Amino acid sequence: MKHFIICLAAIVFAGVCTAQSSKKALFVIVDGISSDVIEKLNTPNLDAIAKVGGYTRAHVGGEKGGYSETPTISAVGYNSLLTGTWVNKHNVWDNDIAEPNYSYWTIFRFFKEQYPQKKAAVFSSWEDNRTKLVGENLAATGNLKLDYYFDGLELDTVNYPHDKQRDFMHRIDEAVVNNATDYIKKEAPDLSWVYLEYTDDMGHMYGDSPEFYKAVEMMDNQMGRLWAAIQYREQNFKEDWVIYITTDHGRSASNGKGHGGQSDRERATWIVTNAKGLNNYFKTGNPGVVDIMPSIASFLNITIPKEQLMEVDGIPLTGNISATSANATLENGKLRVTWKAVAKKGNAKIWLATTNRFKEGGKDEYSLVATVPLTKQEAVIDVSNKSSSFYKIVIEAPENMLNRWSEQ
């Protein structure tokens, strides 16, 4: 009888596990569309996705005037999303992608390290996204291997001859979306990235113009096809999909042709998602592109080790969080650490290091220097006995971490 009960329990448990929906995540970067543009145009497919989850204005560019100020340039923005960090950490300063700092892992590396049996895919109008940013097959990324990719068409000038109007780029984007929708419907990769370029090309050529606006509306149609592929999987298979759609930068205020600086419009981006449980930070906090990575990690049940989580600049856009808006100022031997409390219970632990070995693949030795009620929103630490002009501060709250650098 005991043996029968154990077997029955095992069968029931297996049935429950089978009945659970497998989780899949897709994030999309559509290039160079400021929030004011996306809000004034007709985007029925983005609207449909946002109706399920939400839409929010967001930002790129790090802290304006601060140590994390980040150029509003394409590859820089992509890597801020991939790593959940600003440029002072990931070290991609422009589209040359000269020396990425792979000590700051991408979402793909975290995912494949924890779930090597699951599938990851990249669909991109630009090959460097896979080979340089994700860093596939590089020793520095632990020889990370994707399960599928579709990119490099910008190098195929036979099938996609480069015309001055850059219509070839729209054709490439179309091929990328067609391949992505087909692969998602058939193979359902667990983590996917889709990148499309044409909107930025039209922005550079025409600025705020009918040509640019038409490109944005064509992009919306492409998002509708991706959304339909996800819905097909959810309706026909036991799968739970999340999609995050965003952009890498805004556009210049004068005419919309340029970007790269720190004007409000160049920093002004947006996020559309079908995610459930969006928190108030998503809805009212002007989140950053860096917040998408930890949000996807949370959805896919990726555990980021503590020493790496202490370096991530983003915080989740879903579920409970405890604190936002970290700051630290050093004056007269006193380090004043502040934050905005979101939760009302629990303590904030303040960790301090005077080295930055992490960026070189090393380990920083943190000391716990204060524990205060979260709602105090402040801790003052006497560092007059420390012979250092640089401090890395981590605020460990019950539901999330914040980090900050301070230099004198």
Protein backbone atom coordinates (compact mmCIF):
# COMPACT_ATOMS: atom_id res chain seq x y z
CA MET A 1 0.00 0.00 0.00
CA LYS A 2 2.83 2.37 0.90
CA HIS A 3 4.53 1.65 -2.43
CA PHE A 4 1.25 2.34 -4.26
CA ILE A 5 0.82 5.70 -2.50
CA ILE A 6 4.38 6.74 -3.37
CA CYS A 7 3.86 5.81 -7.02
CA LEU A 8 0.53 7.62 -7.14
CA ALA A 9 2.08 10.72 -5.63
CA ALA A 10 4.87 10.61 -8.22
CA ILE A 11 2.33 10.35 -11.05
CA VAL A 12 0.32 13.28 -9.70
CA PHE A 13 3.47 15.38 -9.29
CA ALA A 14 4.56 14.58 -12.84
CA GLY A 15 1.12 15.55 -14.10
CA VAL A 16 1.24 18.88 -12.29
CA CYS A 17 4.70 19.63 -13.72
CA THR A 18 3.52 18.72 -17.21
CA ALA A 19 0.49 20.97 -16.85
CA GLN A 20 2.63 23.99 -15.96
CA SER A 21 3.22 26.36 -18.83
CA SER A 22 6.80 26.59 -20.07
CA LYS A 23 8.04 30.17 -20.07
CA LYS A 24 9.42 31.86 -23.19
CA ALA A 25 10.80 35.38 -23.60
CA LEU A 26 11.30 37.59 -26.65
CA PHE A 27 12.76 41.07 -26.63
CA VAL A 28 12.79 43.38 -29.63
CA ILE A 29 14.84 46.51 -30.32
CA VAL A 30 13.49 48.73 -33.09
CA ASP A 31 16.06 51.38 -33.82
CA GLY A 32 15.88 55.10 -33.16
CA ILE A 33 12.28 56.01 -32.28
CA SER A 34 11.72 58.61 -29.59
CA SER A 35 8.70 58.36 -27.31
CA ASP A 36 6.94 61.41 -28.77
CA VAL A 37 6.95 59.77 -32.22
CA ILE A 38 5.63 56.40 -31.05
CA GLU A 39 2.86 58.16 -29.12
CA LYS A 40 1.53 60.27 -31.97
CA LEU A 41 1.49 57.67 -34.75
CA ASN A 42 -0.98 54.89 -35.52
CA THR A 43 0.45 51.73 -33.94
CA PRO A 44 -2.45 49.30 -33.48
CA ASN A 45 -0.25 46.27 -32.88
CA LEU A 46 1.86 47.90 -30.20
CA ASP A 47 -1.39 49.15 -28.67
CA ALA A 48 -2.80 45.60 -28.63
CA ILE A 49 0.26 44.30 -26.82
CA ALA A 50 0.22 47.19 -24.35
CA LYS A 51 -3.45 46.53 -23.65
CA VAL A 52 -2.47 43.10 -22.32
CA GLY A 53 0.50 44.43 -20.33
CA GLY A 54 1.48 48.06 -20.54
CA TYR A 55 3.25 50.97 -22.20
CA THR A 56 5.64 53.34 -20.47
CA ARG A 57 7.99 56.12 -21.34
CA ALA A 58 11.54 55.14 -20.54
CA HIS A 59 15.08 56.43 -20.94
CA VAL A 60 18.54 55.61 -22.16
CA GLY A 61 21.77 57.50 -21.57
CA GLY A 62 22.54 56.63 -17.95
CA GLU A 63 22.73 59.46 -15.44
CA LYS A 64 23.02 62.74 -17.29
CA GLY A 65 26.18 64.45 -16.09
CA GLY A 66 27.06 61.52 -13.82
CA TYR A 67 29.60 58.71 -13.92
CA SER A 68 27.18 56.44 -15.81
CA GLU A 69 26.33 58.93 -18.58
CA THR A 70 25.99 56.79 -21.68
CA PRO A 71 26.05 57.88 -25.35
CA THR A 72 22.65 57.62 -27.03
CA ILE A 73 24.13 55.51 -29.82
CA SER A 74 22.73 52.25 -31.15
CA ALA A 75 25.15 49.50 -30.08
CA VAL A 76 25.64 51.25 -26.76
CA GLY A 77 21.90 51.01 -26.08
CA TYR A 78 21.71 47.39 -27.21
CA ASN A 79 24.44 46.42 -24.77
CA SER A 80 22.83 48.34 -21.94
CA LEU A 81 19.75 46.17 -22.45
CA LEU A 82 21.73 42.94 -22.85
CA THR A 83 23.83 43.43 -19.70
CA GLY A 84 21.52 45.55 -17.55
CA THR A 85 24.41 48.00 -17.07
CA TRP A 86 25.44 51.43 -18.33
CA VAL A 87 28.50 52.17 -20.42
CA ASN A 88 30.86 52.75 -17.48
CA LYS A 89 30.62 49.00 -16.98
CA HIS A 90 29.90 47.29 -20.31
CA ASN A 91 32.40 49.54 -22.17
CA VAL A 92 30.66 49.70 -25.55
CA TRP A 93 30.98 53.39 -26.35
CA ASP A 94 29.99 53.45 -30.01
CA ASN A 95 29.03 51.27 -32.96
CA ASP A 96 32.62 50.08 -33.43
CA ILE A 97 32.16 47.80 -30.38
CA ALA A 98 35.92 47.86 -29.90
CA GLU A 99 36.32 46.39 -26.40
CA PRO A 100 33.16 45.09 -24.74
CA ASN A 101 33.74 44.19 -21.12
CA TYR A 102 32.46 40.63 -20.99
CA SER A 103 32.85 40.56 -17.20
CA TYR A 104 29.33 42.00 -17.28
CA TRP A 105 27.31 39.08 -18.58
CA THR A 106 24.49 39.39 -21.08
CA ILE A 107 21.05 37.88 -20.49
CA PHE A 108 22.04 35.15 -22.96
CA ARG A 109 25.04 34.07 -20.93
CA PHE A 110 23.13 34.02 -17.65
CA PHE A 111 20.41 31.99 -19.37
CA LYS A 112 22.67 29.43 -21.07
CA GLU A 113 24.87 28.98 -17.99
CA GLN A 114 21.83 28.04 -15.92
CA TYR A 115 19.78 26.30 -18.61
CA PRO A 116 22.21 24.86 -21.18
CA GLN A 117 19.53 22.52 -22.51
CA LYS A 118 17.14 25.35 -23.40
CA LYS A 119 17.16 27.20 -26.70
CA ALA A 120 18.37 30.74 -27.36
CA ALA A 121 18.11 32.55 -30.69
CA VAL A 122 19.03 35.88 -32.30
CA PHE A 123 17.31 37.37 -35.34
CA SER A 124 19.10 40.52 -36.37
CA SER A 125 19.62 43.00 -39.17
CA TRP A 126 23.18 43.46 -37.92
CA GLU A 127 25.62 40.56 -37.48
CA ASP A 128 27.73 42.34 -34.86
CA ASN A 129 24.89 42.02 -32.37
CA ARG A 130 25.58 38.31 -32.16
CA THR A 131 29.30 38.12 -32.83
CA LYS A 132 30.46 41.11 -30.76
CA LEU A 133 27.77 42.07 -28.23
CA VAL A 134 26.41 38.64 -27.31
CA GLY A 135 29.90 37.36 -28.08
CA GLU A 136 29.02 33.96 -29.45
CA ASN A 137 31.89 31.45 -29.47
CA LEU A 138 34.31 33.79 -27.74
CA ALA A 139 36.59 32.57 -24.97
CA ALA A 140 35.74 35.74 -23.02
CA THR A 141 32.07 34.72 -22.89
CA GLY A 142 32.79 31.13 -21.92
CA ASN A 143 32.36 30.07 -25.57
CA LEU A 144 28.69 30.91 -25.39
CA LYS A 145 26.74 29.02 -28.05
CA LEU A 146 23.36 30.04 -29.41
CA ASP A 147 21.00 27.41 -30.72
CA TYR A 148 19.92 29.42 -33.75
CA TYR A 149 20.63 32.73 -35.44
CA PHE A 150 19.54 34.58 -38.55
CA ASP A 151 21.70 37.59 -39.39
CA GLY A 152 24.41 38.89 -41.70
CA LEU A 153 22.12 39.88 -44.55
CA GLU A 154 23.63 43.37 -44.53
CA LEU A 155 26.76 41.68 -45.92
CA ASP A 156 24.86 40.01 -48.76
CA THR A 157 25.01 42.63 -51.50
CA VAL A 158 23.95 40.14 -54.18
CA ASN A 159 20.47 39.47 -52.82
CA TYR A 160 20.26 42.82 -51.04
CA PRO A 161 22.07 45.35 -53.25
CA HIS A 162 22.65 48.57 -51.33
CA ASP A 163 20.61 51.39 -52.82
CA LYS A 164 20.90 55.05 -51.81
CA GLN A 165 17.34 55.14 -50.47
CA ARG A 166 18.18 52.16 -48.24
CA ASP A 167 15.15 50.19 -49.31
CA PHE A 168 17.42 47.16 -49.00
CA MET A 169 17.39 47.65 -45.23
CA HIS A 170 13.62 47.40 -45.11
CA ARG A 171 13.83 44.18 -47.15
CA ILE A 172 16.39 42.82 -44.68
CA ASP A 173 14.17 43.74 -41.72
CA GLU A 174 11.28 41.97 -43.45
CA ALA A 175 13.39 38.84 -43.92
CA VAL A 176 14.45 38.95 -40.27
CA VAL A 177 10.85 39.22 -39.07
CA ASN A 178 9.65 36.50 -41.44
CA ASN A 179 12.37 34.15 -40.25
CA ALA A 180 11.71 34.98 -36.60
CA THR A 181 7.95 34.42 -36.85
CA ASP A 182 8.45 31.15 -38.69
CA TYR A 183 11.04 29.87 -36.24
CA ILE A 184 9.02 30.92 -33.21
CA LYS A 185 5.92 29.17 -34.50
CA LYS A 186 7.81 25.96 -35.27
CA GLU A 187 10.59 25.79 -32.66
CA ALA A 188 9.61 28.21 -29.85
CA PRO A 189 13.07 29.20 -28.57
CA ASP A 190 13.09 29.94 -24.85
CA LEU A 191 14.95 33.26 -25.18
CA SER A 192 15.03 35.32 -28.37
CA TRP A 193 16.23 38.73 -29.54
CA VAL A 194 14.90 40.46 -32.66
CA TYR A 195 16.64 43.61 -33.89
CA LEU A 196 15.42 45.85 -36.76
CA GLU A 197 17.26 48.84 -38.26
CA TYR A 198 15.18 50.52 -40.99
CA THR A 199 13.42 53.08 -38.79
CA ASP A 200 16.74 54.59 -37.74
CA ASP A 201 17.89 54.77 -41.36
CA MET A 202 14.83 56.79 -42.28
CA GLY A 203 15.30 59.02 -39.26
CA HIS A 204 18.88 59.80 -40.28
CA MET A 205 17.91 60.48 -43.89
CA TYR A 206 14.68 62.41 -43.44
CA GLY A 207 14.35 63.32 -39.78
CA ASP A 208 10.84 64.09 -38.56
CA SER A 209 9.07 63.38 -41.82
CA PRO A 210 6.41 61.31 -43.59
CA GLU A 211 9.15 58.89 -44.67
CA PHE A 212 10.22 58.29 -41.07
CA TYR A 213 6.66 58.00 -39.81
CA LYS A 214 5.82 55.49 -42.55
CA ALA A 215 8.80 53.37 -41.47
CA VAL A 216 7.54 53.40 -37.87
CA GLU A 217 4.08 52.28 -38.97
CA MET A 218 5.62 49.48 -41.06
CA MET A 219 7.53 48.44 -37.95
CA ASP A 220 4.22 48.22 -36.09
CA ASN A 221 2.99 45.78 -38.72
CA GLN A 222 6.11 43.69 -38.14
CA MET A 223 5.43 43.67 -34.40
CA GLY A 224 1.94 42.41 -35.19
CA ARG A 225 3.40 39.40 -36.97
CA LEU A 226 5.68 38.59 -34.05
CA TRP A 227 2.77 39.02 -31.65
CA ALA A 228 0.64 36.66 -33.76
CA ALA A 229 3.41 34.04 -33.65
CA ILE A 230 3.52 34.25 -29.86
CA GLN A 231 -0.27 34.00 -29.62
CA TYR A 232 -0.19 30.95 -31.87
CA ARG A 233 2.24 29.23 -29.51
CA GLU A 234 0.23 30.15 -26.43
CA GLN A 235 -3.05 28.98 -27.97
CA ASN A 236 -1.73 25.67 -29.28
CA PHE A 237 0.94 24.71 -26.74
CA LYS A 238 1.36 24.94 -22.99
CA GLU A 239 3.56 28.04 -23.16
CA ASP A 240 3.62 31.38 -21.37
CA TRP A 241 5.28 34.11 -23.43
CA VAL A 242 6.53 37.55 -22.49
CA ILE A 243 7.57 40.15 -25.05
CA TYR A 244 9.41 43.41 -24.41
CA ILE A 245 9.65 45.90 -27.29
CA THR A 246 11.80 49.00 -26.97
CA THR A 247 14.18 51.29 -28.80
CA ASP A 248 17.84 52.12 -28.33
CA HIS A 249 17.70 55.93 -28.42
CA GLY A 250 15.56 58.89 -29.35
CA ARG A 251 16.31 61.61 -31.86
CA SER A 252 17.63 65.16 -31.92
CA ALA A 253 15.16 67.85 -30.98
CA SER A 254 15.93 70.18 -33.89
CA ASN A 255 14.96 67.96 -36.81
CA GLY A 256 15.03 64.32 -35.70
CA LYS A 257 17.95 63.37 -37.91
CA GLY A 258 20.65 62.85 -35.30
CA HIS A 259 21.33 61.32 -31.90
CA GLY A 260 24.23 60.53 -29.60
CA GLY A 261 23.94 63.39 -27.13
CA GLN A 262 22.09 63.92 -23.89
CA SER A 263 19.15 66.08 -24.93
CA ASP A 264 15.82 65.09 -23.43
CA ARG A 265 14.52 63.85 -26.78
CA GLU A 266 17.61 61.75 -27.50
CA ARG A 267 17.23 60.10 -24.08
CA ALA A 268 13.45 59.66 -24.35
CA THR A 269 12.49 56.09 -25.22
CA TRP A 270 9.63 53.72 -24.42
CA ILE A 271 8.77 50.13 -23.56
CA VAL A 272 5.79 48.04 -24.68
CA THR A 273 5.19 44.65 -23.06
CA ASN A 274 2.51 42.06 -22.42
CA ALA A 275 4.08 41.26 -19.04
CA LYS A 276 1.82 40.51 -16.12
CA GLY A 277 2.32 42.08 -12.71
CA LEU A 278 3.90 45.31 -13.88
CA ASN A 279 4.86 47.34 -10.83
CA ASN A 280 4.52 51.05 -10.08
CA TYR A 281 8.14 51.61 -11.08
CA PHE A 282 7.19 50.55 -14.62
CA LYS A 283 4.08 52.70 -14.57
CA THR A 284 5.41 55.88 -13.00
CA GLY A 285 9.16 55.65 -12.53
CA ASN A 286 10.55 56.42 -16.02
CA PRO A 287 12.48 53.14 -16.12
CA GLY A 288 15.69 52.63 -18.07
CA VAL A 289 16.64 50.25 -20.85
CA VAL A 290 18.81 48.49 -18.22
CA ASP A 291 15.66 47.37 -16.39
CA ILE A 292 14.56 44.99 -19.14
CA MET A 293 17.33 42.44 -18.55
CA PRO A 294 16.51 41.72 -14.87
CA SER A 295 12.80 41.68 -15.77
CA ILE A 296 13.35 38.93 -18.34
CA ALA A 297 15.64 37.10 -15.92
CA SER A 298 12.91 37.14 -13.30
CA PHE A 299 10.31 35.84 -15.76
CA LEU A 300 12.56 32.99 -16.93
CA ASN A 301 13.55 32.08 -13.35
CA ILE A 302 17.19 32.92 -13.99
CA THR A 303 19.16 33.20 -10.75
CA ILE A 304 21.83 35.88 -11.02
CA PRO A 305 24.61 35.17 -8.48
CA LYS A 306 24.89 37.79 -5.76
CA GLU A 307 28.32 39.12 -6.74
CA GLN A 308 27.01 39.73 -10.27
CA LEU A 309 23.64 41.04 -9.16
CA MET A 310 25.50 43.65 -7.12
CA GLU A 311 26.79 45.05 -10.43
CA VAL A 312 23.49 45.10 -12.36
CA ASP A 313 22.14 48.64 -12.73
CA GLY A 314 18.61 47.62 -13.70
CA ILE A 315 15.78 46.48 -11.45
CA PRO A 316 12.73 44.36 -12.37
CA LEU A 317 9.69 46.00 -13.92
CA THR A 318 7.39 43.29 -12.58
CA GLY A 319 6.65 41.98 -9.12
CA ASN A 320 7.65 43.43 -5.78
CA ILE A 321 10.59 45.77 -5.40
CA SER A 322 11.75 47.54 -2.27
CA ALA A 323 13.72 50.57 -3.40
CA THR A 324 14.74 52.73 -6.35
CA SER A 325 16.81 55.87 -7.04
CA ALA A 326 20.10 55.21 -5.27
CA ASN A 327 22.48 58.10 -4.69
CA ALA A 328 25.70 58.64 -2.78
CA THR A 329 27.72 61.73 -1.98
CA LEU A 330 31.11 61.93 -0.29
CA GLU A 331 32.02 65.01 1.74
CA ASN A 332 34.32 65.62 4.70
CA GLY A 333 34.91 61.94 5.30
CA LYS A 334 31.19 61.14 5.35
CA LEU A 335 29.47 59.02 2.73
CA ARG A 336 25.77 59.82 2.53
CA VAL A 337 23.79 57.06 0.83
CA THR A 338 20.15 57.66 -0.09
CA TRP A 339 17.37 55.80 -1.85
CA LYS A 340 13.63 55.96 -2.41
CA ALA A 341 11.74 53.37 -0.38
CA VAL A 342 8.95 51.63 -2.27
CA ALA A 343 8.12 49.08 0.42
CA LYS A 344 7.36 49.94 4.02
CA LYS A 345 8.89 46.94 5.79
CA GLY A 346 12.36 45.52 6.17
CA ASN A 347 15.88 46.85 6.38
CA ALA A 348 18.40 48.20 3.94
CA LYS A 349 21.90 46.74 4.22
CA ILE A 350 24.67 49.00 2.96
CA TRP A 351 27.71 47.23 1.49
CA LEU A 352 30.93 49.08 0.68
CA ALA A 353 34.00 48.27 -1.42
CA THR A 354 36.96 50.47 -2.29
CA THR A 355 38.11 48.48 -5.31
CA ASN A 356 36.71 47.77 -8.77
CA ARG A 357 38.34 44.44 -9.55
CA PHE A 358 35.08 43.07 -10.94
CA LYS A 359 35.54 44.92 -14.22
CA GLU A 360 38.76 42.93 -14.79
CA GLY A 361 37.18 39.61 -13.91
CA GLY A 362 38.23 39.80 -10.27
CA LYS A 363 36.33 39.99 -7.02
CA ASP A 364 35.68 42.99 -4.81
CA GLU A 365 35.67 42.60 -1.05
CA TYR A 366 32.53 44.23 0.32
CA SER A 367 32.02 45.16 3.96
CA LEU A 368 28.62 45.52 5.58
CA VAL A 369 28.85 49.07 6.95
CA ALA A 370 25.26 49.82 7.97
CA THR A 371 21.83 48.29 8.45
CA VAL A 372 18.94 50.71 8.73
CA PRO A 373 15.16 50.60 8.31
CA LEU A 374 14.29 50.76 4.63
CA THR A 375 11.90 53.66 5.24
CA LYS A 376 14.72 55.80 6.66
CA GLN A 377 15.91 56.21 3.05
CA GLU A 378 19.34 57.29 4.20
CA ALA A 379 22.52 56.03 5.79
CA VAL A 380 25.59 58.11 6.67
CA ILE A 381 28.86 56.19 6.85
CA ASP A 382 32.07 57.52 8.34
CA VAL A 383 34.85 56.69 5.86
CA SER A 384 37.43 59.10 7.26
CA ASN A 385 39.60 56.16 8.32
CA LYS A 386 39.66 54.68 4.81
CA SER A 387 42.40 55.86 2.47
CA SER A 388 40.31 55.74 -0.70
CA SER A 389 38.79 58.21 -3.12
CA PHE A 390 36.58 55.58 -4.79
CA TYR A 391 33.66 53.65 -3.32
CA LYS A 392 31.28 51.08 -4.69
CA ILE A 393 28.06 51.05 -2.71
CA VAL A 394 25.36 48.40 -2.80
CA ILE A 395 22.00 48.85 -1.10
CA GLU A 396 20.60 45.41 -0.39
CA ALA A 397 16.86 45.74 0.20
CA PRO A 398 14.50 42.81 0.83
CA GLU A 399 13.27 42.54 -2.78
CA ASN A 400 16.04 44.07 -4.88
CA MET A 401 19.49 45.61 -4.92
CA LEU A 402 20.69 49.04 -5.98
CA ASN A 403 24.27 50.08 -6.65
CA ARG A 404 26.14 53.33 -6.88
CA TRP A 405 29.69 54.59 -7.33
CA SER A 406 31.16 57.57 -5.52
CA GLU A 407 34.44 59.25 -6.35
CA GLN A 408 36.25 62.25 -4.94
